[in-house]
PDB file of all heavy atoms in Angstrom:
ATOM      1  N   LEU A   1     123.287   8.253 262.841  1.00  0.00           N
ATOM      2  CA  LEU A   1     124.222   8.597 263.882  1.00  0.00           C
ATOM      3  C   LEU A   1     124.543   7.441 264.777  1.00  0.00           C
ATOM      4  O   LEU A   1     123.707   6.538 265.020  1.00  0.00           O
ATOM      5  CB  LEU A   1     123.681   9.758 264.712  1.00  0.00           C
ATOM      6  CG  LEU A   1     123.477  11.054 263.997  1.00  0.00           C
ATOM      7  CD1 LEU A   1     123.086  12.191 265.011  1.00  0.00           C
ATOM      8  CD2 LEU A   1     124.715  11.509 263.251  1.00  0.00           C
ATOM      9  N   TYR A   2     125.754   7.406 265.300  1.00  0.00           N
ATOM     10  CA  TYR A   2     126.268   6.340 266.162  1.00  0.00           C
ATOM     11  C   TYR A   2     126.862   7.005 267.448  1.00  0.00           C
ATOM     12  O   TYR A   2     127.380   8.128 267.410  1.00  0.00           O
ATOM     13  CB  TYR A   2     127.333   5.524 265.466  1.00  0.00           C
ATOM     14  CG  TYR A   2     126.855   4.802 264.240  1.00  0.00           C
ATOM     15  CD1 TYR A   2     126.597   5.490 263.083  1.00  0.00           C
ATOM     16  CD2 TYR A   2     126.566   3.452 264.303  1.00  0.00           C
ATOM     17  CE1 TYR A   2     126.133   4.857 261.889  1.00  0.00           C
ATOM     18  CE2 TYR A   2     126.092   2.793 263.174  1.00  0.00           C
ATOM     19  CZ  TYR A   2     125.825   3.484 261.978  1.00  0.00           C
ATOM     20  OH  TYR A   2     125.390   2.863 260.877  1.00  0.00           O
ATOM     21  N   VAL A   3     126.743   6.281 268.578  1.00  0.00           N
ATOM     22  CA  VAL A   3     127.313   6.753 269.823  1.00  0.00           C
ATOM     23  C   VAL A   3     128.313   5.699 270.309  1.00  0.00           C
ATOM     24  O   VAL A   3     127.958   4.498 270.405  1.00  0.00           O
ATOM     25  CB  VAL A   3     126.204   6.945 270.906  1.00  0.00           C
ATOM     26  CG1 VAL A   3     126.831   7.554 272.140  1.00  0.00           C
ATOM     27  CG2 VAL A   3     125.091   7.810 270.356  1.00  0.00           C
ATOM     28  N   LEU A   4     129.532   6.128 270.620  1.00  0.00           N
ATOM     29  CA  LEU A   4     130.593   5.235 271.043  1.00  0.00           C
ATOM     30  C   LEU A   4     130.744   5.458 272.564  1.00  0.00           C
ATOM     31  O   LEU A   4     130.918   6.596 273.042  1.00  0.00           O
ATOM     32  CB  LEU A   4     131.884   5.517 270.323  1.00  0.00           C
ATOM     33  CG  LEU A   4     132.068   4.979 268.913  1.00  0.00           C
ATOM     34  CD1 LEU A   4     131.035   5.582 267.956  1.00  0.00           C
ATOM     35  CD2 LEU A   4     133.430   5.263 268.378  1.00  0.00           C
ATOM     36  N   THR A   5     130.718   4.328 273.279  1.00  0.00           N
ATOM     37  CA  THR A   5     130.792   4.460 274.744  1.00  0.00           C
ATOM     38  C   THR A   5     131.857   3.477 275.309  1.00  0.00           C
ATOM     39  O   THR A   5     132.319   2.559 274.664  1.00  0.00           O
ATOM     40  CB  THR A   5     129.408   4.034 275.376  1.00  0.00           C
ATOM     41  OG1 THR A   5     129.120   2.658 275.037  1.00  0.00           O
ATOM     42  CG2 THR A   5     128.281   4.913 274.834  1.00  0.00           C
ATOM     43  N   THR A   6     132.220   3.718 276.561  1.00  0.00           N
ATOM     44  CA  THR A   6     133.058   2.814 277.307  1.00  0.00           C
ATOM     45  C   THR A   6     132.401   2.575 278.604  1.00  0.00           C
ATOM     46  O   THR A   6     131.644   3.376 279.106  1.00  0.00           O
ATOM     47  CB  THR A   6     134.484   3.398 277.474  1.00  0.00           C
ATOM     48  OG1 THR A   6     135.329   2.420 278.018  1.00  0.00           O
ATOM     49  CG2 THR A   6     134.507   4.584 278.439  1.00  0.00           C
ATOM     50  N   ALA A   7     132.718   1.468 279.247  1.00  0.00           N
ATOM     51  CA  ALA A   7     132.136   1.122 280.550  1.00  0.00           C
ATOM     52  C   ALA A   7     133.194   0.988 281.601  1.00  0.00           C
ATOM     53  O   ALA A   7     134.232   1.716 281.543  1.00  0.00           O
ATOM     54  CB  ALA A   7     131.307  -0.170 280.464  1.00  0.00           C
ATOM     55  N   GLU A   8     133.067   0.115 282.530  1.00  0.00           N
ATOM     56  CA  GLU A   8     133.985  -0.010 283.665  1.00  0.00           C
ATOM     57  C   GLU A   8     134.931  -1.186 283.389  1.00  0.00           C
ATOM     58  O   GLU A   8     134.526  -2.333 283.556  1.00  0.00           O
ATOM     59  CB  GLU A   8     133.245  -0.241 284.970  1.00  0.00           C
ATOM     60  CG  GLU A   8     132.338   0.933 285.400  1.00  0.00           C
ATOM     61  CD  GLU A   8     133.080   2.189 285.791  1.00  0.00           C
ATOM     62  OE1 GLU A   8     134.304   2.112 285.809  1.00  0.00           O
ATOM     63  OE2 GLU A   8     132.425   3.170 286.068  1.00  0.00           O
ATOM     64  N   PRO A   9     136.192  -0.976 283.002  1.00  0.00           N
ATOM     65  CA  PRO A   9     137.132  -2.058 282.768  1.00  0.00           C
ATOM     66  C   PRO A   9     137.332  -2.918 283.975  1.00  0.00           C
ATOM     67  O   PRO A   9     137.655  -4.082 283.893  1.00  0.00           O
ATOM     68  CB  PRO A   9     138.375  -1.361 282.324  1.00  0.00           C
ATOM     69  CG  PRO A   9     138.275   0.043 282.798  1.00  0.00           C
ATOM     70  CD  PRO A   9     136.845   0.372 282.818  1.00  0.00           C
ATOM     71  N   ALA A  10     137.165  -2.334 285.175  1.00  0.00           N
ATOM     72  CA  ALA A  10     137.379  -3.130 286.377  1.00  0.00           C
ATOM     73  C   ALA A  10     136.368  -4.276 286.452  1.00  0.00           C
ATOM     74  O   ALA A  10     136.563  -5.256 287.183  1.00  0.00           O
ATOM     75  CB  ALA A  10     137.241  -2.218 287.642  1.00  0.00           C
ATOM     76  N   GLU A  11     135.222  -4.128 285.768  1.00  0.00           N
ATOM     77  CA  GLU A  11     134.205  -5.158 285.773  1.00  0.00           C
ATOM     78  C   GLU A  11     134.294  -5.993 284.541  1.00  0.00           C
ATOM     79  O   GLU A  11     133.396  -6.795 284.222  1.00  0.00           O
ATOM     80  CB  GLU A  11     132.832  -4.501 285.866  1.00  0.00           C
ATOM     81  CG  GLU A  11     132.612  -3.624 287.114  1.00  0.00           C
ATOM     82  CD  GLU A  11     131.271  -2.893 287.037  1.00  0.00           C
ATOM     83  OE1 GLU A  11     130.545  -3.057 286.093  1.00  0.00           O
ATOM     84  OE2 GLU A  11     131.048  -2.158 288.010  1.00  0.00           O
ATOM     85  N   GLY A  12     135.406  -5.902 283.816  1.00  0.00           N
ATOM     86  CA  GLY A  12     135.587  -6.695 282.618  1.00  0.00           C
ATOM     87  C   GLY A  12     134.856  -6.212 281.418  1.00  0.00           C
ATOM     88  O   GLY A  12     134.764  -6.932 280.419  1.00  0.00           O
ATOM     89  N   GLU A  13     134.241  -5.047 281.467  1.00  0.00           N
ATOM     90  CA  GLU A  13     133.480  -4.506 280.333  1.00  0.00           C
ATOM     91  C   GLU A  13     134.373  -3.657 279.457  1.00  0.00           C
ATOM     92  O   GLU A  13     135.364  -3.065 279.919  1.00  0.00           O
ATOM     93  CB  GLU A  13     132.283  -3.730 280.828  1.00  0.00           C
ATOM     94  CG  GLU A  13     131.315  -4.607 281.678  1.00  0.00           C
ATOM     95  CD  GLU A  13     130.152  -3.786 282.123  1.00  0.00           C
ATOM     96  OE1 GLU A  13     129.819  -2.763 281.490  1.00  0.00           O
ATOM     97  OE2 GLU A  13     129.568  -4.110 283.188  1.00  0.00           O
ATOM     98  N   THR A  14     133.994  -3.524 278.186  1.00  0.00           N
ATOM     99  CA  THR A  14     134.804  -2.729 277.260  1.00  0.00           C
ATOM    100  C   THR A  14     133.865  -1.801 276.547  1.00  0.00           C
ATOM    101  O   THR A  14     132.771  -1.513 276.952  1.00  0.00           O
ATOM    102  CB  THR A  14     135.548  -3.632 276.269  1.00  0.00           C
ATOM    103  OG1 THR A  14     134.634  -4.482 275.611  1.00  0.00           O
ATOM    104  CG2 THR A  14     136.616  -4.474 277.017  1.00  0.00           C
ATOM    105  N   GLY A  15     134.397  -1.266 275.428  1.00  0.00           N
ATOM    106  CA  GLY A  15     133.576  -0.279 274.677  1.00  0.00           C
ATOM    107  C   GLY A  15     132.486  -0.874 273.850  1.00  0.00           C
ATOM    108  O   GLY A  15     132.420  -2.085 273.638  1.00  0.00           O
ATOM    109  N   ALA A  16     131.656   0.023 273.316  1.00  0.00           N
ATOM    110  CA  ALA A  16     130.533  -0.385 272.505  1.00  0.00           C
ATOM    111  C   ALA A  16     130.211   0.673 271.518  1.00  0.00           C
ATOM    112  O   ALA A  16     130.542   1.863 271.674  1.00  0.00           O
ATOM    113  CB  ALA A  16     129.316  -0.725 273.349  1.00  0.00           C
ATOM    114  N   VAL A  17     129.594   0.276 270.424  1.00  0.00           N
ATOM    115  CA  VAL A  17     129.122   1.227 269.359  1.00  0.00           C
ATOM    116  C   VAL A  17     127.630   0.955 269.207  1.00  0.00           C
ATOM    117  O   VAL A  17     127.189  -0.100 268.954  1.00  0.00           O
ATOM    118  CB  VAL A  17     129.822   1.006 268.033  1.00  0.00           C
ATOM    119  CG1 VAL A  17     129.313   1.980 267.004  1.00  0.00           C
ATOM    120  CG2 VAL A  17     131.341   1.169 268.210  1.00  0.00           C
ATOM    121  N   HIS A  18     126.835   2.065 269.353  1.00  0.00           N
ATOM    122  CA  HIS A  18     125.386   1.988 269.278  1.00  0.00           C
ATOM    123  C   HIS A  18     124.901   2.911 268.091  1.00  0.00           C
ATOM    124  O   HIS A  18     125.337   4.023 267.988  1.00  0.00           O
ATOM    125  CB  HIS A  18     124.738   2.441 270.523  1.00  0.00           C
ATOM    126  CG  HIS A  18     125.337   1.921 271.810  1.00  0.00           C
ATOM    127  ND1 HIS A  18     125.076   0.687 272.273  1.00  0.00           N
ATOM    128  CD2 HIS A  18     126.236   2.455 272.682  1.00  0.00           C
ATOM    129  CE1 HIS A  18     125.791   0.475 273.393  1.00  0.00           C
ATOM    130  NE2 HIS A  18     126.496   1.543 273.612  1.00  0.00           N
ATOM    131  N   ARG A  19     123.937   2.357 267.344  1.00  0.00           N
ATOM    132  CA  ARG A  19     123.322   3.215 266.306  1.00  0.00           C
ATOM    133  C   ARG A  19     122.043   3.769 266.894  1.00  0.00           C
ATOM    134  O   ARG A  19     121.271   3.080 267.586  1.00  0.00           O
ATOM    135  CB  ARG A  19     122.950   2.295 265.087  1.00  0.00           C
ATOM    136  CG  ARG A  19     122.313   3.087 263.913  1.00  0.00           C
ATOM    137  CD  ARG A  19     121.857   2.147 262.828  1.00  0.00           C
ATOM    138  NE  ARG A  19     123.056   1.559 262.142  1.00  0.00           N
ATOM    139  CZ  ARG A  19     123.209   0.273 261.894  1.00  0.00           C
ATOM    140  NH1 ARG A  19     122.327  -0.588 262.297  1.00  0.00           N
ATOM    141  NH2 ARG A  19     124.281  -0.171 261.263  1.00  0.00           N
ATOM    142  N   ILE A  20     121.716   5.042 266.583  1.00  0.00           N
ATOM    143  CA  ILE A  20     120.543   5.734 267.064  1.00  0.00           C
ATOM    144  C   ILE A  20     119.435   5.389 266.028  1.00  0.00           C
ATOM    145  O   ILE A  20     119.562   5.731 264.880  1.00  0.00           O
ATOM    146  CB  ILE A  20     120.695   7.258 267.215  1.00  0.00           C
ATOM    147  CG1 ILE A  20     121.843   7.533 268.217  1.00  0.00           C
ATOM    148  CG2 ILE A  20     119.423   7.865 267.723  1.00  0.00           C
ATOM    149  CD1 ILE A  20     122.219   9.023 268.325  1.00  0.00           C
ATOM    150  N   VAL A  21     118.310   4.802 266.483  1.00  0.00           N
ATOM    151  CA  VAL A  21     117.245   4.383 265.583  1.00  0.00           C
ATOM    152  C   VAL A  21     115.912   4.916 266.161  1.00  0.00           C
ATOM    153  O   VAL A  21     115.792   5.313 267.313  1.00  0.00           O
ATOM    154  CB  VAL A  21     117.247   2.862 265.446  1.00  0.00           C
ATOM    155  CG1 VAL A  21     118.528   2.381 264.772  1.00  0.00           C
ATOM    156  CG2 VAL A  21     116.999   2.202 266.771  1.00  0.00           C
ATOM    157  N   PRO A  22     114.835   4.848 265.347  1.00  0.00           N
ATOM    158  CA  PRO A  22     113.551   5.325 265.782  1.00  0.00           C
ATOM    159  C   PRO A  22     113.040   4.449 266.947  1.00  0.00           C
ATOM    160  O   PRO A  22     113.349   3.239 267.042  1.00  0.00           O
ATOM    161  CB  PRO A  22     112.644   5.182 264.609  1.00  0.00           C
ATOM    162  CG  PRO A  22     113.511   5.126 263.416  1.00  0.00           C
ATOM    163  CD  PRO A  22     114.795   4.481 263.874  1.00  0.00           C
ATOM    164  N   PRO A  23     112.213   5.009 267.817  1.00  0.00           N
ATOM    165  CA  PRO A  23     111.629   4.193 268.975  1.00  0.00           C
ATOM    166  C   PRO A  23     110.586   3.266 268.438  1.00  0.00           C
ATOM    167  O   PRO A  23     109.883   3.548 267.500  1.00  0.00           O
ATOM    168  CB  PRO A  23     111.046   5.322 269.836  1.00  0.00           C
ATOM    169  CG  PRO A  23     110.716   6.417 268.961  1.00  0.00           C
ATOM    170  CD  PRO A  23     111.762   6.432 267.865  1.00  0.00           C
ATOM    171  N   GLU A  24     110.493   2.115 269.102  1.00  0.00           N
ATOM    172  CA  GLU A  24     109.385   1.205 268.811  1.00  0.00           C
ATOM    173  C   GLU A  24     108.070   1.808 269.116  1.00  0.00           C
ATOM    174  O   GLU A  24     107.081   1.539 268.453  1.00  0.00           O
ATOM    175  CB  GLU A  24     109.584  -0.102 269.627  1.00  0.00           C
ATOM    176  CG  GLU A  24     110.756  -0.938 269.177  1.00  0.00           C
ATOM    177  CD  GLU A  24     110.477  -1.646 267.838  1.00  0.00           C
ATOM    178  OE1 GLU A  24     109.324  -1.578 267.346  1.00  0.00           O
ATOM    179  OE2 GLU A  24     111.443  -2.157 267.232  1.00  0.00           O
ATOM    180  N   SER A  25     108.020   2.627 270.098  1.00  0.00           N
ATOM    181  CA  SER A  25     106.708   3.219 270.535  1.00  0.00           C
ATOM    182  C   SER A  25     106.139   4.070 269.398  1.00  0.00           C
ATOM    183  O   SER A  25     104.897   4.124 269.240  1.00  0.00           O
ATOM    184  CB  SER A  25     106.887   4.120 271.749  1.00  0.00           C
ATOM    185  OG  SER A  25     107.841   5.146 271.493  1.00  0.00           O
ATOM    186  N   ALA A  26     106.962   4.691 268.601  1.00  0.00           N
ATOM    187  CA  ALA A  26     106.461   5.535 267.487  1.00  0.00           C
ATOM    188  C   ALA A  26     105.778   4.640 266.440  1.00  0.00           C
ATOM    189  O   ALA A  26     104.730   4.907 265.912  1.00  0.00           O
ATOM    190  CB  ALA A  26     107.569   6.330 266.874  1.00  0.00           C
ATOM    191  N   ASN A  27     106.398   3.496 266.136  1.00  0.00           N
ATOM    192  CA  ASN A  27     105.883   2.621 265.156  1.00  0.00           C
ATOM    193  C   ASN A  27     104.545   2.016 265.663  1.00  0.00           C
ATOM    194  O   ASN A  27     103.551   1.907 264.927  1.00  0.00           O
ATOM    195  CB  ASN A  27     106.829   1.446 264.843  1.00  0.00           C
ATOM    196  CG  ASN A  27     108.129   1.965 264.297  1.00  0.00           C
ATOM    197  OD1 ASN A  27     108.181   3.008 263.651  1.00  0.00           O
ATOM    198  ND2 ASN A  27     109.207   1.228 264.492  1.00  0.00           N
ATOM    199  N   GLN A  28     104.506   1.642 266.953  1.00  0.00           N
ATOM    200  CA  GLN A  28     103.310   1.063 267.508  1.00  0.00           C
ATOM    201  C   GLN A  28     102.183   2.080 267.577  1.00  0.00           C
ATOM    202  O   GLN A  28     101.045   1.793 267.248  1.00  0.00           O
ATOM    203  CB  GLN A  28     103.576   0.527 268.947  1.00  0.00           C
ATOM    204  CG  GLN A  28     102.429  -0.242 269.512  1.00  0.00           C
ATOM    205  CD  GLN A  28     102.059  -1.501 268.709  1.00  0.00           C
ATOM    206  OE1 GLN A  28     102.934  -2.221 268.274  1.00  0.00           O
ATOM    207  NE2 GLN A  28     100.761  -1.713 268.461  1.00  0.00           N
ATOM    208  N   ALA A  29     102.561   3.331 267.934  1.00  0.00           N
ATOM    209  CA  ALA A  29     101.511   4.378 268.075  1.00  0.00           C
ATOM    210  C   ALA A  29     100.855   4.655 266.686  1.00  0.00           C
ATOM    211  O   ALA A  29      99.684   4.828 266.564  1.00  0.00           O
ATOM    212  CB  ALA A  29     102.099   5.640 268.621  1.00  0.00           C
ATOM    213  N   SER A  30     101.737   4.644 265.602  1.00  0.00           N
ATOM    214  CA  SER A  30     101.217   4.916 264.312  1.00  0.00           C
ATOM    215  C   SER A  30     100.291   3.836 263.887  1.00  0.00           C
ATOM    216  O   SER A  30      99.223   4.039 263.322  1.00  0.00           O
ATOM    217  CB  SER A  30     102.357   5.047 263.333  1.00  0.00           C
ATOM    218  OG  SER A  30     101.914   5.304 262.045  1.00  0.00           O
ATOM    219  N   ALA A  31     100.655   2.569 264.171  1.00  0.00           N
ATOM    220  CA  ALA A  31      99.793   1.432 263.799  1.00  0.00           C
ATOM    221  C   ALA A  31      98.478   1.495 264.561  1.00  0.00           C
ATOM    222  O   ALA A  31      97.417   1.234 263.983  1.00  0.00           O
ATOM    223  CB  ALA A  31     100.555   0.115 264.056  1.00  0.00           C
ATOM    224  N   ASN A  32      98.607   1.783 265.861  1.00  0.00           N
ATOM    225  CA  ASN A  32      97.358   1.832 266.654  1.00  0.00           C
ATOM    226  C   ASN A  32      96.444   2.926 266.167  1.00  0.00           C
ATOM    227  O   ASN A  32      95.204   2.740 266.107  1.00  0.00           O
ATOM    228  CB  ASN A  32      97.709   2.057 268.134  1.00  0.00           C
ATOM    229  CG  ASN A  32      98.385   0.878 268.766  1.00  0.00           C
ATOM    230  OD1 ASN A  32      98.329  -0.202 268.193  1.00  0.00           O
ATOM    231  ND2 ASN A  32      99.022   1.072 269.898  1.00  0.00           N
ATOM    232  N   ALA A  33      97.006   4.128 265.838  1.00  0.00           N
ATOM    233  CA  ALA A  33      96.195   5.252 265.420  1.00  0.00           C
ATOM    234  C   ALA A  33      95.500   4.967 264.130  1.00  0.00           C
ATOM    235  O   ALA A  33      94.316   5.270 263.938  1.00  0.00           O
ATOM    236  CB  ALA A  33      97.047   6.486 265.281  1.00  0.00           C
ATOM    237  N   SER A  34      96.226   4.273 263.210  1.00  0.00           N
ATOM    238  CA  SER A  34      95.604   3.942 261.943  1.00  0.00           C
ATOM    239  C   SER A  34      94.412   2.992 262.128  1.00  0.00           C
ATOM    240  O   SER A  34      93.433   3.047 261.420  1.00  0.00           O
ATOM    241  CB  SER A  34      96.648   3.294 260.988  1.00  0.00           C
ATOM    242  OG  SER A  34      97.660   4.228 260.714  1.00  0.00           O
ATOM    243  N   ALA A  35      94.599   2.039 263.080  1.00  0.00           N
ATOM    244  CA  ALA A  35      93.538   1.023 263.257  1.00  0.00           C
ATOM    245  C   ALA A  35      92.382   1.601 264.009  1.00  0.00           C
ATOM    246  O   ALA A  35      91.238   1.259 263.786  1.00  0.00           O
ATOM    247  CB  ALA A  35      94.129  -0.176 263.979  1.00  0.00           C
TER     248      ALA A  35
END
């Protein structure tokens, strides 16, 4: 899934496209738990 956003053009910002991905915390927690 992707999320398309817009910001404040008055500040010179434009749109963006973001992919939803797993959190880093989940990967770290799994590694810590295994160890």
